[in-house]
Protein backbone atom coordinates (compact mmCIF):
# COMPACT_ATOMS: atom_id res chain seq x y z
CA MET A 1 -48.50 -208.62 -78.95
CA SER A 2 -51.53 -206.43 -79.84
CA ASN A 3 -51.92 -203.06 -78.19
CA ILE A 4 -55.79 -203.18 -78.62
CA LYS A 5 -57.28 -203.13 -75.13
CA SER A 6 -60.56 -201.44 -75.78
CA VAL A 7 -63.32 -201.67 -78.49
CA ALA A 8 -66.16 -199.46 -79.43
CA VAL A 9 -68.95 -201.34 -81.19
CA LEU A 10 -71.39 -199.23 -83.27
CA GLY A 11 -74.60 -201.16 -83.65
CA SER A 12 -76.04 -203.56 -81.05
CA GLY A 13 -77.85 -206.00 -83.37
CA THR A 14 -76.94 -209.66 -83.65
CA MET A 15 -73.39 -209.00 -84.99
CA GLY A 16 -72.68 -205.95 -82.94
CA ALA A 17 -73.75 -207.70 -79.74
CA GLY A 18 -71.73 -210.81 -80.60
CA ILE A 19 -68.52 -208.72 -81.32
CA ALA A 20 -69.01 -206.69 -78.10
CA ALA A 21 -69.62 -209.92 -76.08
CA LEU A 22 -66.53 -211.63 -77.49
CA ALA A 23 -64.33 -208.60 -76.74
CA ALA A 24 -65.76 -208.25 -73.24
CA ASP A 25 -65.07 -212.07 -72.56
CA ARG A 26 -61.47 -211.34 -73.37
CA ASP A 27 -61.25 -208.66 -70.78
CA CYS A 28 -61.37 -205.67 -73.13
CA LYS A 29 -63.11 -202.45 -72.24
CA VAL A 30 -66.14 -202.24 -74.47
CA LEU A 31 -68.51 -199.40 -75.55
CA LEU A 32 -71.75 -200.49 -77.23
CA LEU A 33 -73.73 -197.74 -78.92
CA ASP A 34 -77.00 -197.72 -80.92
CA ILE A 35 -79.75 -195.28 -82.04
CA ASP A 36 -81.54 -195.10 -78.82
CA LYS A 37 -81.51 -196.49 -75.20
CA ASP A 38 -84.11 -199.12 -75.70
CA THR A 39 -82.37 -200.44 -78.72
CA VAL A 40 -78.94 -200.77 -77.13
CA GLU A 41 -80.40 -202.23 -73.89
CA LYS A 42 -82.11 -204.97 -76.03
CA GLY A 43 -78.75 -205.73 -77.52
CA LYS A 44 -77.15 -205.96 -74.05
CA MET A 45 -79.90 -208.34 -72.95
CA LYS A 46 -79.09 -210.60 -75.88
CA ILE A 47 -75.58 -210.94 -74.49
CA VAL A 48 -76.76 -212.07 -71.11
CA ASN A 49 -79.69 -214.07 -72.43
CA GLU A 50 -79.91 -217.16 -70.16
CA LYS A 51 -80.78 -219.52 -72.97
CA LYS A 52 -77.83 -218.74 -75.20
CA PRO A 53 -75.44 -216.57 -73.23
CA MET A 54 -72.61 -214.94 -75.32
CA LEU A 55 -70.35 -214.70 -72.26
CA SER A 56 -68.32 -217.37 -70.57
CA LYS A 57 -68.83 -215.63 -67.27
CA PRO A 58 -71.88 -213.39 -66.60
CA SER A 59 -69.68 -211.02 -64.69
CA ASN A 60 -67.95 -210.09 -67.86
CA ILE A 61 -70.94 -207.94 -68.80
CA GLU A 62 -69.47 -205.37 -66.46
CA ASN A 63 -66.73 -204.79 -69.13
CA ILE A 64 -69.51 -203.33 -71.53
CA ALA A 65 -70.67 -199.76 -71.19
CA THR A 66 -73.70 -198.71 -73.34
CA GLY A 67 -74.92 -195.47 -74.87
CA THR A 68 -76.57 -193.75 -77.83
CA PHE A 69 -75.25 -192.22 -80.97
CA GLU A 70 -76.69 -188.86 -80.18
CA LYS A 71 -75.34 -188.54 -76.61
CA ASP A 72 -72.29 -190.77 -76.49
CA PHE A 73 -70.62 -190.85 -79.92
CA HIS A 74 -67.81 -188.60 -78.83
CA LYS A 75 -66.73 -191.35 -76.27
CA ILE A 76 -65.30 -193.43 -79.28
CA SER A 77 -62.13 -191.25 -78.93
CA ASP A 78 -61.21 -193.31 -75.93
CA TYR A 79 -61.23 -196.63 -77.71
CA ASP A 80 -58.40 -198.48 -79.58
CA TRP A 81 -60.61 -200.15 -82.26
CA ILE A 82 -63.77 -198.75 -83.52
CA CYS A 83 -65.94 -201.43 -85.17
CA GLU A 84 -69.06 -200.27 -87.13
CA ALA A 85 -71.66 -203.03 -87.12
CA VAL A 86 -74.92 -201.30 -88.18
CA VAL A 87 -77.57 -202.62 -90.68
CA GLU A 88 -76.34 -203.58 -94.16
CA LYS A 89 -77.49 -200.33 -95.86
CA ILE A 90 -74.75 -198.25 -97.46
CA GLU A 91 -76.34 -194.88 -96.73
CA ILE A 92 -76.37 -195.62 -93.00
CA LYS A 93 -72.86 -197.04 -92.95
CA ARG A 94 -71.57 -193.87 -94.74
CA LYS A 95 -73.31 -191.60 -92.33
CA ILE A 96 -71.68 -193.55 -89.34
CA PHE A 97 -68.27 -193.43 -90.91
CA ASN A 98 -68.52 -189.69 -91.29
CA GLU A 99 -69.18 -189.41 -87.62
CA ILE A 100 -66.35 -191.86 -86.82
CA GLU A 101 -63.94 -189.58 -88.77
CA ASN A 102 -65.20 -186.53 -86.73
CA TYR A 103 -64.76 -188.08 -83.27
CA MET A 104 -62.11 -190.82 -83.41
CA ASN A 105 -58.69 -190.68 -81.80
CA LYS A 106 -56.13 -190.51 -84.67
CA SER A 107 -54.30 -193.58 -83.39
CA SER A 108 -57.53 -195.71 -83.40
CA LEU A 109 -58.18 -198.49 -85.86
CA VAL A 110 -61.51 -198.49 -87.65
CA SER A 111 -63.38 -201.34 -89.34
CA SER A 112 -66.75 -202.07 -90.84
CA ASN A 113 -68.39 -205.33 -90.13
CA THR A 114 -70.20 -205.95 -93.41
CA SER A 115 -70.84 -209.31 -95.15
CA GLY A 116 -70.59 -208.00 -98.68
CA ILE A 117 -70.51 -204.26 -99.23
CA PRO A 118 -67.15 -203.12 -100.74
CA LEU A 119 -65.18 -200.73 -98.38
CA LYS A 120 -64.56 -198.41 -101.33
CA ASP A 121 -68.24 -197.80 -101.61
CA ILE A 122 -68.70 -197.13 -97.78
CA THR A 123 -65.73 -194.68 -97.69
CA LYS A 124 -66.01 -192.99 -101.09
CA GLY A 125 -64.93 -189.40 -100.90
CA MET A 126 -63.48 -189.47 -97.40
CA HIS A 127 -60.14 -188.09 -96.45
CA GLU A 128 -56.94 -190.04 -97.31
CA ASP A 129 -55.56 -189.80 -93.67
CA PHE A 130 -58.85 -191.38 -92.38
CA LEU A 131 -58.64 -194.14 -95.08
CA LYS A 132 -55.26 -195.24 -93.76
CA SER A 133 -56.87 -196.41 -90.55
CA VAL A 134 -59.92 -198.19 -92.08
CA CYS A 135 -60.53 -201.75 -93.14
CA ILE A 136 -63.23 -204.43 -93.03
CA THR A 137 -63.50 -207.15 -90.35
CA HIS A 138 -66.13 -209.61 -91.45
CA PHE A 139 -67.15 -211.89 -88.61
CA PHE A 140 -69.41 -214.85 -89.28
CA ASN A 141 -72.54 -215.45 -87.19
CA PRO A 142 -72.64 -216.60 -84.35
CA VAL A 143 -69.56 -214.66 -83.55
CA LYS A 144 -68.80 -216.61 -80.46
CA ILE A 145 -68.85 -219.91 -82.35
CA MET A 146 -67.70 -219.37 -85.84
CA LYS A 147 -63.92 -219.31 -86.27
CA LEU A 148 -63.62 -217.25 -89.44
CA CYS A 149 -63.02 -213.52 -89.57
CA GLU A 150 -62.14 -212.03 -92.99
CA LEU A 151 -59.85 -209.10 -92.82
CA ILE A 152 -60.09 -206.87 -95.87
CA PRO A 153 -57.78 -203.80 -96.49
CA GLY A 154 -58.85 -200.89 -98.59
CA GLU A 155 -56.66 -199.31 -101.28
CA LYS A 156 -55.18 -196.76 -98.61
CA THR A 157 -55.13 -199.08 -95.45
CA SER A 158 -51.84 -199.01 -93.89
CA LYS A 159 -49.97 -202.27 -93.33
CA GLU A 160 -49.62 -201.45 -89.67
CA VAL A 161 -53.37 -201.42 -89.20
CA ILE A 162 -53.83 -204.77 -90.75
CA GLN A 163 -50.98 -206.21 -88.80
CA LYS A 164 -52.35 -204.90 -85.46
CA LEU A 165 -55.82 -206.12 -86.07
CA SER A 166 -54.63 -209.45 -87.26
CA ILE A 167 -52.75 -210.06 -84.16
CA PHE A 168 -55.67 -208.89 -81.97
CA LEU A 169 -58.08 -211.09 -83.89
CA LYS A 170 -55.75 -214.24 -83.71
CA ASP A 171 -54.26 -213.86 -80.27
CA THR A 172 -57.07 -212.24 -78.27
CA LEU A 173 -60.32 -213.06 -79.88
CA GLU A 174 -58.98 -216.44 -81.18
CA LYS A 175 -60.21 -216.20 -84.62
CA GLY A 176 -59.04 -217.75 -87.90
CA VAL A 177 -58.09 -214.85 -89.96
CA VAL A 178 -58.14 -214.94 -93.73
CA TYR A 179 -56.98 -211.97 -95.85
CA GLY A 180 -59.21 -211.08 -98.77
CA LYS A 181 -59.66 -208.32 -101.38
CA ASP A 182 -62.13 -205.38 -101.37
CA THR A 183 -64.45 -207.16 -103.83
CA VAL A 184 -68.27 -207.92 -103.44
CA ASN A 185 -68.86 -210.55 -100.80
CA PHE A 186 -65.27 -211.01 -100.11
CA ILE A 187 -64.12 -214.71 -100.06
CA GLY A 188 -66.56 -217.00 -98.10
CA ASN A 189 -69.79 -215.39 -99.11
CA ARG A 190 -68.57 -215.07 -102.77
CA ILE A 191 -68.07 -218.90 -103.11
CA GLY A 192 -70.71 -219.88 -100.65
CA CYS A 193 -73.42 -217.76 -102.37
CA PHE A 194 -72.45 -219.14 -105.76
CA PHE A 195 -72.85 -222.66 -104.37
CA MET A 196 -76.33 -221.87 -102.91
CA PHE A 197 -77.74 -220.02 -105.94
CA LYS A 198 -76.26 -222.59 -108.40
CA GLY A 199 -77.78 -225.29 -106.30
CA LEU A 200 -81.27 -223.79 -106.42
CA HIS A 201 -81.08 -223.41 -110.25
CA GLU A 202 -79.80 -226.95 -110.63
CA GLY A 203 -82.40 -228.28 -108.28
CA LYS A 204 -85.29 -227.85 -110.84
CA ASN A 205 -83.57 -230.16 -113.33
CA ALA A 206 -82.68 -232.50 -110.62
CA ARG A 207 -86.30 -232.79 -109.41
CA LYS A 208 -87.24 -233.64 -113.15
CA ASN A 209 -84.78 -236.50 -112.80
CA ASN A 210 -86.59 -237.69 -109.65
CA ILE A 211 -83.91 -236.36 -107.23
CA SER A 212 -85.97 -234.98 -104.41
CA ILE A 213 -84.97 -232.15 -102.10
CA GLU A 214 -84.20 -234.73 -99.48
CA LYS A 215 -81.88 -236.55 -101.89
CA MET A 216 -80.15 -233.37 -103.04
CA ASP A 217 -79.43 -232.52 -99.35
CA ALA A 218 -78.20 -235.98 -98.56
CA LEU A 219 -75.77 -235.77 -101.56
CA LEU A 220 -74.69 -232.20 -100.81
CA SER A 221 -73.73 -232.83 -97.19
CA LYS A 222 -71.66 -235.54 -95.32
CA PRO A 223 -70.73 -237.56 -98.57
CA ILE A 224 -68.70 -234.63 -99.81
CA GLY A 225 -67.62 -233.08 -96.46
CA LEU A 226 -70.38 -230.40 -96.14
CA PRO A 227 -72.53 -229.73 -93.09
CA PRO A 228 -75.60 -231.99 -92.45
CA THR A 229 -77.98 -229.12 -93.54
CA GLY A 230 -77.14 -229.77 -97.04
CA LEU A 231 -78.30 -227.14 -99.56
CA TYR A 232 -82.00 -226.42 -98.82
CA GLY A 233 -81.59 -226.92 -95.05
CA LEU A 234 -78.81 -224.25 -95.20
CA ILE A 235 -81.00 -221.79 -97.03
CA ASP A 236 -83.85 -222.50 -94.56
CA LEU A 237 -81.28 -221.48 -91.85
CA ILE A 238 -80.36 -218.26 -93.67
CA GLY A 239 -83.77 -217.30 -94.85
CA LEU A 240 -85.01 -216.72 -98.37
CA ASP A 241 -85.33 -212.89 -97.63
CA VAL A 242 -81.57 -212.80 -96.94
CA MET A 243 -80.90 -214.86 -100.13
CA TYR A 244 -83.03 -212.36 -102.16
CA SER A 245 -81.20 -209.31 -100.84
CA VAL A 246 -77.74 -211.08 -101.37
CA GLY A 247 -78.85 -211.78 -104.90
CA LYS A 248 -79.61 -208.15 -105.50
CA ASN A 249 -76.29 -207.04 -104.12
CA LEU A 250 -74.51 -209.57 -106.40
CA GLU A 251 -76.45 -208.52 -109.44
CA PHE A 252 -75.42 -204.88 -108.81
CA ASN A 253 -71.69 -205.54 -107.87
CA LEU A 254 -70.51 -208.81 -109.63
CA PRO A 255 -68.02 -208.12 -112.47
CA LYS A 256 -69.58 -208.19 -115.89
CA ASN A 257 -68.22 -211.59 -117.03
CA ASP A 258 -68.52 -213.27 -113.69
CA LEU A 259 -70.01 -216.85 -114.00
CA GLY A 260 -72.15 -216.11 -110.91
CA ARG A 261 -74.19 -213.40 -112.84
CA ASP A 262 -76.41 -216.17 -114.34
CA PHE A 263 -77.47 -217.35 -110.81
CA VAL A 264 -78.10 -214.18 -108.82
CA SER A 265 -81.98 -214.37 -108.64
CA LEU A 266 -84.22 -216.88 -106.94
CA PRO A 267 -85.67 -219.51 -109.46
CA ASP A 268 -89.47 -219.12 -109.96
CA GLU A 269 -90.42 -221.62 -107.44
CA GLU A 270 -88.29 -220.16 -104.65
CA LEU A 271 -89.37 -216.69 -105.64
CA ASN A 272 -92.97 -217.84 -105.14
CA LEU A 273 -92.05 -219.07 -101.51
CA TYR A 274 -90.32 -215.66 -100.91
CA ASN A 275 -93.43 -213.67 -102.06
CA LYS A 276 -95.70 -215.53 -99.80
CA GLY A 277 -93.46 -215.20 -96.78
CA GLN A 278 -92.44 -218.87 -96.52
CA LEU A 279 -88.87 -217.92 -95.87
CA GLY A 280 -87.29 -220.70 -93.70
CA ARG A 281 -86.91 -221.41 -89.95
CA LYS A 282 -87.68 -217.87 -88.97
CA THR A 283 -91.23 -218.27 -90.31
CA GLY A 284 -91.83 -221.74 -89.13
CA GLY A 285 -90.91 -223.34 -92.34
CA GLY A 286 -89.37 -222.92 -95.83
CA PHE A 287 -88.32 -226.01 -97.70
CA TYR A 288 -88.66 -228.00 -94.47
CA ARG A 289 -90.88 -227.63 -91.37
CA ILE A 290 -91.54 -229.50 -88.13
CA ASN A 291 -95.16 -230.43 -87.88
CA ARG A 292 -96.99 -232.38 -85.10
CA THR A 293 -99.05 -235.46 -85.71
CA ILE A 294 -102.44 -236.29 -84.10
CA GLU A 295 -100.56 -238.30 -81.54
CA ASP A 296 -98.44 -235.16 -80.77
CA GLN A 297 -95.20 -236.44 -82.27
CA LYS A 298 -92.76 -234.41 -84.22
CA LEU A 299 -92.92 -234.92 -88.02
CA LYS A 300 -90.42 -233.49 -90.46
CA GLU A 301 -92.11 -232.34 -93.73
CA VAL A 302 -90.73 -231.14 -97.04
CA TYR A 303 -92.34 -228.74 -99.39
CA ASP A 304 -93.13 -230.13 -102.83
CA LEU A 305 -92.24 -227.07 -105.00
CA GLU A 306 -94.09 -228.39 -108.02
CA ASP A 307 -97.41 -229.38 -106.28
CA ASN A 308 -97.07 -226.67 -103.65
CA ILE A 309 -97.99 -229.02 -100.80
CA TRP A 310 -96.30 -230.40 -97.64
CA LYS A 311 -95.21 -234.01 -97.60
CA PRO A 312 -93.43 -236.23 -95.03
CA ALA A 313 -89.72 -235.92 -95.45
CA LEU A 314 -87.93 -239.14 -96.29
CA ARG A 315 -84.54 -240.10 -94.81
CA GLU A 316 -81.97 -240.37 -97.63
CA ASN A 317 -78.41 -241.71 -97.33
CA PHE A 318 -75.81 -242.08 -99.97
CA ASN A 319 -72.61 -244.25 -99.66
CA VAL A 320 -70.57 -241.95 -101.92
CA SER A 321 -67.68 -239.70 -101.61
CA TYR A 322 -66.04 -236.75 -103.26
CA ASP A 323 -65.50 -238.60 -106.56
CA VAL A 324 -69.20 -239.07 -107.07
CA MET A 325 -69.04 -235.85 -109.06
CA LEU A 326 -66.70 -237.41 -111.58
CA LYS A 327 -69.12 -240.28 -112.25
CA ASP A 328 -71.47 -240.35 -115.10
CA THR A 329 -74.59 -241.07 -113.09
CA ILE A 330 -77.75 -238.82 -112.44
CA GLU A 331 -76.50 -238.13 -108.90
CA GLY A 332 -72.98 -237.60 -110.03
CA GLN A 333 -74.13 -235.11 -112.70
CA PHE A 334 -76.02 -233.17 -110.06
CA VAL A 335 -73.15 -232.95 -107.60
CA TRP A 336 -70.82 -231.95 -110.36
CA ASN A 337 -73.25 -229.21 -111.54
CA VAL A 338 -73.43 -227.76 -108.09
CA MET A 339 -70.28 -228.57 -106.04
CA GLY A 340 -68.02 -229.20 -109.16
CA ALA A 341 -69.03 -225.81 -110.54
CA SER A 342 -68.35 -224.13 -107.20
CA LEU A 343 -64.92 -225.66 -107.15
CA LEU A 344 -64.17 -224.38 -110.63
CA TYR A 345 -65.50 -220.96 -109.69
CA ALA A 346 -63.17 -220.84 -106.78
CA ALA A 347 -60.24 -221.77 -108.99
CA ASP A 348 -60.95 -218.83 -111.22
CA LEU A 349 -61.01 -216.10 -108.48
CA ILE A 350 -57.37 -215.83 -107.69
CA PRO A 351 -55.90 -213.25 -107.41
CA GLU A 352 -59.26 -211.28 -107.79
CA ILE A 353 -60.61 -212.18 -104.21
CA ALA A 354 -57.51 -213.43 -102.57
CA ASP A 355 -53.75 -213.74 -103.33
CA ASP A 356 -53.57 -217.58 -102.66
CA ILE A 357 -55.42 -220.83 -102.35
CA VAL A 358 -54.82 -221.09 -98.61
CA ASN A 359 -56.97 -218.03 -97.69
CA ILE A 360 -59.77 -219.47 -99.93
CA ASP A 361 -59.63 -222.89 -98.45
CA ASN A 362 -59.51 -221.58 -94.83
CA ALA A 363 -62.45 -219.25 -95.63
CA MET A 364 -64.70 -222.18 -96.60
CA LYS A 365 -63.65 -224.43 -93.82
CA TRP A 366 -63.92 -221.78 -91.08
CA GLY A 367 -66.92 -219.85 -92.35
CA PHE A 368 -69.10 -222.58 -94.00
CA ALA A 369 -67.85 -225.64 -92.00
CA TRP A 370 -66.60 -227.46 -95.11
CA GLU A 371 -64.36 -230.39 -94.05
CA LYS A 372 -61.94 -229.56 -96.92
CA GLY A 373 -61.40 -226.24 -98.75
CA PRO A 374 -62.03 -226.10 -102.50
CA PHE A 375 -58.49 -226.71 -103.61
CA GLU A 376 -57.95 -229.56 -101.05
CA ILE A 377 -61.08 -231.22 -102.68
CA LEU A 378 -59.54 -230.72 -106.14
CA ASP A 379 -56.42 -232.56 -104.98
CA ILE A 380 -58.62 -235.43 -103.60
CA LEU A 381 -60.36 -235.57 -106.97
CA VAL A 382 -56.97 -235.36 -108.79
CA PRO A 383 -56.72 -232.19 -110.77
CA GLU A 384 -55.81 -233.90 -113.98
CA LYS A 385 -59.06 -235.84 -113.90
CA VAL A 386 -60.95 -232.52 -113.31
CA VAL A 387 -59.24 -230.79 -116.18
CA GLU A 388 -60.02 -233.84 -118.34
CA LYS A 389 -63.83 -233.57 -117.29
CA CYS A 390 -63.77 -229.87 -118.11
CA LYS A 391 -62.47 -230.46 -121.57
CA ASN A 392 -64.85 -233.34 -122.25
CA LEU A 393 -67.73 -231.09 -121.19
CA ARG A 394 -66.25 -228.11 -123.06
CA VAL A 395 -66.07 -226.17 -120.01
CA LYS A 396 -63.38 -223.38 -119.60
CA VAL A 397 -60.57 -224.70 -117.41
CA PRO A 398 -60.13 -222.03 -114.50
CA LYS A 399 -56.98 -220.12 -113.92
CA MET A 400 -55.42 -221.97 -111.05
CA LEU A 401 -56.00 -225.37 -112.74
CA GLU A 402 -54.31 -224.02 -115.80
CA ILE A 403 -51.47 -222.72 -113.65
CA LEU A 404 -51.10 -226.18 -112.03
CA SER A 405 -51.09 -228.01 -115.38
CA ASN A 406 -48.52 -225.66 -116.95
CA SER A 407 -46.32 -226.09 -113.96
CA LYS A 408 -46.10 -229.79 -114.59
CA ASN A 409 -47.04 -230.40 -110.93
CA LYS A 410 -49.77 -232.75 -109.96
CA PHE A 411 -51.33 -231.18 -106.88
CA PHE A 412 -52.09 -227.90 -105.30
CA TYR A 413 -50.60 -228.84 -101.88
CA LYS A 414 -47.31 -230.53 -101.34
CA GLU A 415 -45.77 -232.39 -98.28
CA LYS A 416 -43.84 -230.14 -95.93
CA ASN A 417 -46.67 -227.61 -95.62
CA GLU A 418 -46.38 -226.10 -99.14
CA PHE A 419 -49.00 -224.78 -101.57
CA LEU A 420 -48.84 -223.80 -105.20
CA ASN A 421 -48.84 -220.08 -105.78
CA ILE A 422 -50.12 -218.01 -108.64
CA HIS A 423 -46.65 -218.32 -110.36
CA GLY A 424 -46.94 -222.02 -110.44
CA GLU A 425 -44.34 -222.49 -107.64
CA TYR A 426 -44.67 -224.17 -104.35
CA GLN A 427 -44.49 -221.79 -101.25
CA LYS A 428 -44.42 -222.40 -97.60
CA ILE A 429 -47.85 -221.82 -95.79
């Protein structure tokens, strides 16, 4: 059982409000703070919004007290878990963390909800005793719906803190917890952003081969177990402004030899959309938009990146499966260059971002709604065939595929709930 009964959430934006609402819905005492009264009240209103209520029962809003950083920060000393969820700017997070250290109860647990800033950068120079209580809890948005929460310890974080938070996240908040390392973008976003940026860069060549945006999205969706948004639809949902910022963060923080370094910037065509404010759904359209005909019917349109005009979007369907990426067709080559590359990228990140394949697979299933995780997909493709394709294309075989090959085993997962670990041995999940 977890002994966390109260939560102080610092920041009442989308993520902060979502975390506060989830805790309140589980009968926790919640304190929600922000920079001023108007801001925190707007955050509280998001929680009780009638169109998309975050609470299962409206009366649970009574579990949430609000306040401001200036007048009420000292109150965090009464709370078991202090969750910082302010804007993704390191200077602001560091300032908040210095205040937390001044006012927290020494028995409290502390976390930052960040999607990609390493904890070591947020807490640089802070006292060692404080660092023992601190970790990262990365919820995915919307908090109420998304199953994933990445739990990331720092170098000094005590095992007891991780254990207590893990139990609370699983048992009370009903989240799927994955354990990552304090590296840029952690697990889900590290692999997911590689997939998206690589996809945008491959898109230009695909369009030259008469594979339209609609076809690309049809290929990178249901046929290979990905959400129906595909690639471009997903980026419309996220926003090109967010992708631009994420790319800058990756450019600054990715290791020097990381394969993702070649794909951290938006291609010229997408950069043009970004510069003119055509960002996605939030601006009424990005790659897609919904227009109305003269007869007042809804018409889905797609943006032609070469001619810079809107066109009616065509419905595309492909009767293919995962093994399309092993086939020598134009479509197969495209899927291999995007999804296949993402699988190889994931297979080269252990133990850098996580200790085992299970955490990586769960992160992609729970955070990005993939039907199968990267290593489960590699098993479907048959790892031997993937290695053979890598060698034929003179592509470096990633670490975990090498470990599997050297172990003389055939698959990453084995019956009886076992997985292949980094030592080339099967281990119980």
